[in-house]
């Protein structure tokens, strides 16, 4: 599955987390924090938790196409990359294929 994420209108962390919530339709308990994002993305392959409208099986990956990734905004870029790394590590620790792959456009 591919999802395009446009960072051109993102200037702070709150905007980042709100935009990701809009893309993934996280549950009402999602509170715009890195930990909440990690929890939601860590359950992309867990149909029982329904942490997102996007769910898939153990072999599928989520390809995130990143437009205008803010490499000059360390706070936003670091938060985003750390979350992706932690989610992928959770899956690696379970001997599963990491679910999130990134393409920088």
N, C-alpha and C. Protein backbone atom coordinates (compact mmCIF):
# COMPACT_ATOMS: atom_id res chain seq x y z
N UNK A 1 0.84 -1.16 0.00
CA UNK A 1 0.00 0.00 0.00
C UNK A 1 0.89 1.24 0.00
N UNK A 2 0.51 2.23 -0.78
CA UNK A 2 1.27 3.48 -0.86
C UNK A 2 0.42 4.64 -0.36
N UNK A 3 1.05 5.50 0.41
CA UNK A 3 0.40 6.72 0.88
C UNK A 3 1.38 7.86 0.70
N UNK A 4 0.90 8.94 0.14
CA UNK A 4 1.74 10.11 -0.05
C UNK A 4 1.51 11.08 1.10
N UNK A 5 2.60 11.58 1.64
CA UNK A 5 2.53 12.54 2.73
C UNK A 5 3.24 13.81 2.29
N UNK A 6 2.50 14.90 2.33
CA UNK A 6 3.01 16.20 1.91
C UNK A 6 3.35 17.03 3.15
N UNK A 7 4.62 17.33 3.31
CA UNK A 7 5.07 18.09 4.46
C UNK A 7 5.12 19.59 4.18
N UNK A 8 4.72 20.03 3.01
CA UNK A 8 4.88 21.44 2.65
C UNK A 8 4.10 22.39 3.55
N UNK A 9 3.02 21.93 4.15
CA UNK A 9 2.21 22.79 5.01
C UNK A 9 2.44 22.51 6.50
N UNK A 10 3.43 21.71 6.81
CA UNK A 10 3.69 21.32 8.20
C UNK A 10 4.80 22.20 8.76
N UNK A 11 4.48 22.94 9.81
CA UNK A 11 5.49 23.83 10.41
C UNK A 11 5.76 23.53 11.88
N UNK A 12 4.97 22.62 12.47
CA UNK A 12 5.21 22.26 13.87
C UNK A 12 4.71 20.84 14.12
N UNK A 13 5.01 20.32 15.29
CA UNK A 13 4.66 18.93 15.60
C UNK A 13 3.16 18.69 15.65
N UNK A 14 2.42 19.62 16.19
CA UNK A 14 0.97 19.44 16.26
C UNK A 14 0.39 19.27 14.85
N UNK A 15 0.82 20.10 13.92
CA UNK A 15 0.35 19.98 12.54
C UNK A 15 0.74 18.63 11.94
N UNK A 16 1.92 18.14 12.26
CA UNK A 16 2.35 16.84 11.78
C UNK A 16 1.41 15.75 12.26
N UNK A 17 1.14 15.73 13.57
CA UNK A 17 0.31 14.67 14.12
C UNK A 17 -1.15 14.78 13.69
N UNK A 18 -1.64 15.99 13.51
CA UNK A 18 -3.01 16.17 13.01
C UNK A 18 -3.11 15.67 11.57
N UNK A 19 -2.12 16.01 10.74
CA UNK A 19 -2.11 15.56 9.35
C UNK A 19 -2.06 14.04 9.26
N UNK A 20 -1.23 13.41 10.09
CA UNK A 20 -1.14 11.95 10.07
C UNK A 20 -2.45 11.32 10.55
N UNK A 21 -3.09 11.93 11.51
CA UNK A 21 -4.39 11.44 11.96
C UNK A 21 -5.41 11.52 10.83
N UNK A 22 -5.38 12.59 10.07
CA UNK A 22 -6.30 12.73 8.93
C UNK A 22 -6.03 11.66 7.88
N UNK A 23 -4.78 11.35 7.64
CA UNK A 23 -4.42 10.33 6.64
C UNK A 23 -4.81 8.92 7.08
N UNK A 24 -4.64 8.63 8.37
CA UNK A 24 -4.80 7.26 8.86
C UNK A 24 -6.08 7.03 9.67
N UNK A 25 -6.75 8.10 10.01
CA UNK A 25 -8.00 7.99 10.78
C UNK A 25 -7.80 7.15 12.05
N UNK A 26 -6.90 7.62 12.89
CA UNK A 26 -6.63 6.93 14.15
C UNK A 26 -7.82 7.01 15.08
N UNK A 27 -7.87 6.17 16.11
CA UNK A 27 -9.02 6.20 17.04
C UNK A 27 -9.07 7.50 17.85
N UNK A 28 -10.19 7.74 18.50
CA UNK A 28 -10.38 8.96 19.28
C UNK A 28 -9.34 9.10 20.39
N UNK A 29 -8.78 8.01 20.85
CA UNK A 29 -7.79 8.05 21.93
C UNK A 29 -6.43 8.58 21.46
N UNK A 30 -6.24 8.70 20.15
CA UNK A 30 -4.98 9.23 19.60
C UNK A 30 -4.79 10.66 20.09
N UNK A 31 -3.66 10.94 20.72
CA UNK A 31 -3.48 12.24 21.36
C UNK A 31 -2.33 13.08 20.81
N UNK A 32 -2.02 12.92 19.54
CA UNK A 32 -1.02 13.77 18.89
C UNK A 32 0.34 13.77 19.58
N UNK A 33 0.81 12.59 19.91
CA UNK A 33 2.13 12.44 20.52
C UNK A 33 2.90 11.36 19.78
N UNK A 34 4.22 11.35 19.91
CA UNK A 34 5.00 10.28 19.27
C UNK A 34 4.58 8.90 19.78
N UNK A 35 4.34 8.78 21.07
CA UNK A 35 3.97 7.47 21.63
C UNK A 35 2.64 6.98 21.05
N UNK A 36 1.68 7.88 20.88
CA UNK A 36 0.39 7.49 20.30
C UNK A 36 0.58 7.03 18.85
N UNK A 37 1.42 7.74 18.11
CA UNK A 37 1.68 7.36 16.72
C UNK A 37 2.38 6.00 16.66
N UNK A 38 3.34 5.79 17.54
CA UNK A 38 4.02 4.49 17.59
C UNK A 38 3.01 3.38 17.88
N UNK A 39 2.14 3.60 18.84
CA UNK A 39 1.14 2.59 19.18
C UNK A 39 0.21 2.30 18.00
N UNK A 40 -0.25 3.33 17.34
CA UNK A 40 -1.15 3.11 16.20
C UNK A 40 -0.44 2.40 15.05
N UNK A 41 0.75 2.88 14.67
CA UNK A 41 1.45 2.25 13.57
C UNK A 41 1.98 0.87 13.93
N UNK A 42 2.20 0.60 15.20
CA UNK A 42 2.66 -0.72 15.61
C UNK A 42 1.57 -1.77 15.47
N UNK A 43 0.36 -1.33 15.27
CA UNK A 43 -0.77 -2.25 15.14
C UNK A 43 -1.38 -2.25 13.74
N UNK A 44 -0.61 -1.82 12.76
CA UNK A 44 -1.12 -1.81 11.39
C UNK A 44 -1.48 -3.21 10.90
N UNK A 45 -0.83 -4.20 11.45
CA UNK A 45 -1.09 -5.58 11.04
C UNK A 45 -1.95 -6.33 12.05
N UNK A 46 -2.53 -5.63 12.97
CA UNK A 46 -3.36 -6.26 14.00
C UNK A 46 -4.81 -5.83 13.81
N UNK A 47 -5.57 -6.64 13.12
CA UNK A 47 -6.96 -6.32 12.80
C UNK A 47 -7.81 -6.15 14.05
N UNK A 48 -7.48 -6.84 15.11
CA UNK A 48 -8.28 -6.78 16.34
C UNK A 48 -8.26 -5.40 16.99
N UNK A 49 -7.15 -4.67 16.87
CA UNK A 49 -7.03 -3.38 17.54
C UNK A 49 -7.67 -2.23 16.77
N UNK A 50 -7.73 -2.34 15.46
CA UNK A 50 -8.33 -1.29 14.61
C UNK A 50 -7.83 0.10 14.99
N UNK A 51 -6.52 0.27 14.97
CA UNK A 51 -5.90 1.55 15.31
C UNK A 51 -5.83 2.50 14.12
N UNK A 52 -6.28 2.04 12.96
CA UNK A 52 -6.24 2.86 11.76
C UNK A 52 -7.22 2.28 10.76
N UNK A 53 -7.60 3.10 9.79
CA UNK A 53 -8.43 2.57 8.70
C UNK A 53 -7.58 1.72 7.76
N UNK A 54 -6.26 1.83 7.92
CA UNK A 54 -5.33 1.08 7.09
C UNK A 54 -4.82 -0.12 7.88
N UNK A 55 -5.16 -1.29 7.43
CA UNK A 55 -4.71 -2.53 8.04
C UNK A 55 -4.28 -3.48 6.94
N UNK A 56 -3.32 -4.31 7.22
CA UNK A 56 -2.90 -5.27 6.21
C UNK A 56 -2.27 -6.48 6.84
N UNK A 57 -1.97 -7.49 6.01
CA UNK A 57 -1.46 -8.74 6.56
C UNK A 57 0.04 -8.67 6.84
N UNK A 58 0.59 -9.76 7.34
CA UNK A 58 1.96 -9.78 7.84
C UNK A 58 3.03 -9.57 6.78
N UNK A 59 2.71 -9.77 5.52
CA UNK A 59 3.71 -9.62 4.48
C UNK A 59 3.64 -8.27 3.78
N UNK A 60 2.56 -7.55 3.95
CA UNK A 60 2.42 -6.27 3.27
C UNK A 60 3.25 -5.18 3.95
N UNK A 61 3.58 -4.18 3.16
CA UNK A 61 4.29 -3.02 3.70
C UNK A 61 3.51 -1.75 3.38
N UNK A 62 3.80 -0.75 4.16
CA UNK A 62 3.25 0.58 3.94
C UNK A 62 4.38 1.42 3.37
N UNK A 63 4.22 1.84 2.14
CA UNK A 63 5.21 2.68 1.48
C UNK A 63 4.76 4.13 1.61
N UNK A 64 5.51 4.90 2.39
CA UNK A 64 5.19 6.30 2.57
C UNK A 64 6.04 7.13 1.62
N UNK A 65 5.38 7.82 0.72
CA UNK A 65 6.06 8.72 -0.22
C UNK A 65 6.04 10.11 0.40
N UNK A 66 7.21 10.62 0.72
CA UNK A 66 7.33 11.86 1.47
C UNK A 66 7.69 13.02 0.55
N UNK A 67 6.76 13.94 0.41
CA UNK A 67 6.99 15.14 -0.38
C UNK A 67 7.42 16.28 0.54
N UNK A 68 8.42 17.02 0.10
CA UNK A 68 8.89 18.19 0.84
C UNK A 68 9.27 17.83 2.28
N UNK A 69 9.95 16.69 2.44
CA UNK A 69 10.35 16.29 3.79
C UNK A 69 11.23 17.37 4.39
N UNK A 70 10.93 17.79 5.62
CA UNK A 70 11.59 18.97 6.21
C UNK A 70 12.96 18.68 6.82
N UNK A 71 13.94 18.40 5.99
CA UNK A 71 15.26 18.08 6.53
C UNK A 71 15.89 19.25 7.27
N UNK A 72 15.44 20.45 6.99
CA UNK A 72 15.96 21.62 7.70
C UNK A 72 15.22 21.91 9.00
N UNK A 73 14.16 21.18 9.25
CA UNK A 73 13.43 21.33 10.51
C UNK A 73 13.70 20.07 11.33
N UNK A 74 14.74 20.15 12.15
CA UNK A 74 15.19 18.97 12.89
C UNK A 74 14.10 18.40 13.78
N UNK A 75 13.32 19.23 14.42
CA UNK A 75 12.30 18.75 15.35
C UNK A 75 11.28 17.86 14.63
N UNK A 76 10.75 18.32 13.53
CA UNK A 76 9.75 17.55 12.79
C UNK A 76 10.38 16.31 12.16
N UNK A 77 11.47 16.50 11.45
CA UNK A 77 12.09 15.36 10.76
C UNK A 77 12.55 14.30 11.75
N UNK A 78 13.14 14.72 12.86
CA UNK A 78 13.61 13.76 13.84
C UNK A 78 12.45 13.00 14.47
N UNK A 79 11.40 13.69 14.87
CA UNK A 79 10.24 13.01 15.45
C UNK A 79 9.69 11.96 14.49
N UNK A 80 9.52 12.35 13.24
CA UNK A 80 8.95 11.44 12.26
C UNK A 80 9.84 10.21 12.06
N UNK A 81 11.12 10.44 11.85
CA UNK A 81 12.03 9.33 11.58
C UNK A 81 12.21 8.42 12.79
N UNK A 82 12.24 8.98 13.98
CA UNK A 82 12.36 8.16 15.19
C UNK A 82 11.13 7.28 15.35
N UNK A 83 9.95 7.82 15.10
CA UNK A 83 8.73 7.02 15.20
C UNK A 83 8.77 5.86 14.21
N UNK A 84 9.12 6.13 12.95
CA UNK A 84 9.20 5.07 11.95
C UNK A 84 10.22 4.02 12.37
N UNK A 85 11.37 4.46 12.85
CA UNK A 85 12.40 3.51 13.27
C UNK A 85 11.91 2.64 14.43
N UNK A 86 11.24 3.24 15.40
CA UNK A 86 10.76 2.46 16.55
C UNK A 86 9.69 1.47 16.14
N UNK A 87 8.79 1.87 15.27
CA UNK A 87 7.75 0.95 14.80
C UNK A 87 8.39 -0.22 14.07
N UNK A 88 9.31 0.06 13.17
CA UNK A 88 9.96 -1.01 12.43
C UNK A 88 10.75 -1.93 13.35
N UNK A 89 11.36 -1.37 14.38
CA UNK A 89 12.12 -2.18 15.35
C UNK A 89 11.19 -3.12 16.12
N UNK A 90 10.00 -2.66 16.45
CA UNK A 90 9.02 -3.52 17.14
C UNK A 90 8.73 -4.75 16.29
N UNK A 91 8.56 -4.56 15.00
CA UNK A 91 8.29 -5.69 14.10
C UNK A 91 9.53 -6.56 13.92
N UNK A 92 10.69 -5.95 13.79
CA UNK A 92 11.92 -6.74 13.67
C UNK A 92 12.13 -7.61 14.89
N UNK A 93 11.83 -7.09 16.07
CA UNK A 93 11.98 -7.86 17.30
C UNK A 93 11.06 -9.07 17.34
N UNK A 94 9.98 -9.03 16.57
CA UNK A 94 9.05 -10.17 16.47
C UNK A 94 9.37 -11.03 15.25
N UNK A 95 10.55 -10.78 14.63
CA UNK A 95 10.98 -11.50 13.42
C UNK A 95 9.98 -11.35 12.28
N UNK A 96 9.42 -10.16 12.17
CA UNK A 96 8.51 -9.84 11.07
C UNK A 96 9.13 -8.76 10.19
N UNK A 97 8.65 -8.70 8.97
CA UNK A 97 9.12 -7.68 8.04
C UNK A 97 8.71 -6.31 8.56
N UNK A 98 9.64 -5.36 8.65
CA UNK A 98 9.26 -4.01 9.07
C UNK A 98 8.17 -3.46 8.14
N UNK A 99 7.11 -2.88 8.71
CA UNK A 99 5.97 -2.50 7.89
C UNK A 99 6.10 -1.17 7.16
N UNK A 100 6.96 -0.28 7.62
CA UNK A 100 6.98 1.07 7.04
C UNK A 100 8.26 1.28 6.25
N UNK A 101 8.09 1.61 4.98
CA UNK A 101 9.21 1.92 4.10
C UNK A 101 8.99 3.34 3.60
N UNK A 102 10.10 4.05 3.43
CA UNK A 102 10.02 5.46 3.06
C UNK A 102 10.67 5.73 1.71
N UNK A 103 10.02 6.63 0.97
CA UNK A 103 10.61 7.16 -0.26
C UNK A 103 10.58 8.67 -0.13
N UNK A 104 11.72 9.29 -0.30
CA UNK A 104 11.81 10.74 -0.23
C UNK A 104 11.73 11.30 -1.65
N UNK A 105 10.74 12.10 -1.89
CA UNK A 105 10.54 12.66 -3.23
C UNK A 105 11.07 14.08 -3.31
